[in-house]
Amino acid sequence: MHASRRAGHAAIRRTLREDDRGDVPGWVLVTLMTAGLVVVIWALAGPALSNLFEQAIARVSGL
């Protein structure tokens, strides 16, 4: 491999590492927002899903 090609690969790797570090806050925000949505949806739909599950089990078991 030529020296110029190695230097080019090193520059690309360095750029990729720097880009990844800058994107971490975005991923943290996406993760927190997703967790928040899951909590809100679960709070709203939880009782209805629980009731639906209990009805299904009652029908299957014949109680």
C-alpha atoms as a PDB file:
ATOM      1  CA  MET A   1       0.000   0.000   0.000  1.00  0.00           C
ATOM      2  CA  HIS A   2       1.387   3.411  -0.893  1.00  0.00           C
ATOM      3  CA  ALA A   3       2.097   6.028   1.762  1.00  0.00           C
ATOM      4  CA  SER A   4      -0.407   8.457   0.251  1.00  0.00           C
ATOM      5  CA  ARG A   5      -3.121   5.804   0.309  1.00  0.00           C
ATOM      6  CA  ARG A   6      -2.369   5.026   3.968  1.00  0.00           C
ATOM      7  CA  ALA A   7      -2.532   8.713   4.805  1.00  0.00           C
ATOM      8  CA  GLY A   8      -5.886   8.951   3.046  1.00  0.00           C
ATOM      9  CA  HIS A   9      -7.278   5.990   4.969  1.00  0.00           C
ATOM     10  CA  ALA A  10      -6.019   7.453   8.251  1.00  0.00           C
ATOM     11  CA  ALA A  11      -7.711  10.779   7.464  1.00  0.00           C
ATOM     12  CA  ILE A  12     -10.997   9.011   6.692  1.00  0.00           C
ATOM     13  CA  ARG A  13     -10.838   7.033   9.944  1.00  0.00           C
ATOM     14  CA  ARG A  14     -10.065  10.208  11.900  1.00  0.00           C
ATOM     15  CA  THR A  15     -13.014  12.010  10.276  1.00  0.00           C
ATOM     16  CA  LEU A  16     -15.379   9.127  11.034  1.00  0.00           C
ATOM     17  CA  ARG A  17     -14.314   9.063  14.683  1.00  0.00           C
ATOM     18  CA  GLU A  18     -14.873  12.807  15.007  1.00  0.00           C
ATOM     19  CA  ASP A  19     -18.286  12.570  13.344  1.00  0.00           C
ATOM     20  CA  ASP A  20     -19.372   9.794  15.712  1.00  0.00           C
ATOM     21  CA  ARG A  21     -18.468  11.836  18.770  1.00  0.00           C
ATOM     22  CA  GLY A  22     -20.490  14.787  17.561  1.00  0.00           C
ATOM     23  CA  ASP A  23     -23.597  12.679  17.010  1.00  0.00           C
ATOM     24  CA  VAL A  24     -23.802  11.208  20.517  1.00  0.00           C
ATOM     25  CA  PRO A  25     -26.146  13.910  21.914  1.00  0.00           C
ATOM     26  CA  GLY A  26     -28.534  13.257  19.032  1.00  0.00           C
ATOM     27  CA  TRP A  27     -28.680   9.552  19.831  1.00  0.00           C
ATOM     28  CA  VAL A  28     -29.192  10.303  23.510  1.00  0.00           C
ATOM     29  CA  LEU A  29     -32.097  12.606  22.638  1.00  0.00           C
ATOM     30  CA  VAL A  30     -33.666  10.002  20.326  1.00  0.00           C
ATOM     31  CA  THR A  31     -33.337   7.332  23.034  1.00  0.00           C
ATOM     32  CA  LEU A  32     -34.881   9.528  25.729  1.00  0.00           C
ATOM     33  CA  MET A  33     -37.734  10.602  23.473  1.00  0.00           C
ATOM     34  CA  THR A  34     -38.455   6.991  22.529  1.00  0.00           C
ATOM     35  CA  ALA A  35     -38.481   5.955  26.188  1.00  0.00           C
ATOM     36  CA  GLY A  36     -40.813   8.850  26.966  1.00  0.00           C
ATOM     37  CA  LEU A  37     -43.209   7.830  24.205  1.00  0.00           C
ATOM     38  CA  VAL A  38     -43.241   4.247  25.444  1.00  0.00           C
ATOM     39  CA  VAL A  39     -44.101   5.410  28.970  1.00  0.00           C
ATOM     40  CA  VAL A  40     -46.905   7.694  27.746  1.00  0.00           C
ATOM     41  CA  ILE A  41     -48.388   5.075  25.424  1.00  0.00           C
ATOM     42  CA  TRP A  42     -48.159   2.393  28.115  1.00  0.00           C
ATOM     43  CA  ALA A  43     -49.868   4.694  30.649  1.00  0.00           C
ATOM     44  CA  LEU A  44     -52.720   5.388  28.232  1.00  0.00           C
ATOM     45  CA  ALA A  45     -53.137   1.914  26.743  1.00  0.00           C
ATOM     46  CA  GLY A  46     -52.060  -0.228  29.719  1.00  0.00           C
ATOM     47  CA  PRO A  47     -55.453  -0.570  31.413  1.00  0.00           C
ATOM     48  CA  ALA A  48     -57.225  -1.326  28.115  1.00  0.00           C
ATOM     49  CA  LEU A  49     -54.607  -3.912  27.157  1.00  0.00           C
ATOM     50  CA  SER A  50     -54.801  -5.495  30.600  1.00  0.00           C
ATOM     51  CA  ASN A  51     -58.584  -5.740  30.356  1.00  0.00           C
ATOM     52  CA  LEU A  52     -58.352  -7.200  26.853  1.00  0.00           C
ATOM     53  CA  PHE A  53     -55.831  -9.793  28.047  1.00  0.00           C
ATOM     54  CA  GLU A  54     -57.997 -10.790  31.022  1.00  0.00           C
ATOM     55  CA  GLN A  55     -61.040 -11.189  28.755  1.00  0.00           C
ATOM     56  CA  ALA A  56     -59.070 -13.366  26.341  1.00  0.00           C
ATOM     57  CA  ILE A  57     -57.787 -15.595  29.151  1.00  0.00           C
ATOM     58  CA  ALA A  58     -61.309 -15.877  30.594  1.00  0.00           C
ATOM     59  CA  ARG A  59     -62.700 -16.975  27.221  1.00  0.00           C
ATOM     60  CA  VAL A  60     -59.943 -19.532  26.667  1.00  0.00           C
ATOM     61  CA  SER A  61     -60.146 -20.996  30.153  1.00  0.00           C
ATOM     62  CA  GLY A  62     -63.969 -20.925  30.175  1.00  0.00           C
ATOM     63  CA  LEU A  63     -64.283 -19.032  33.443  1.00  0.00           C
END
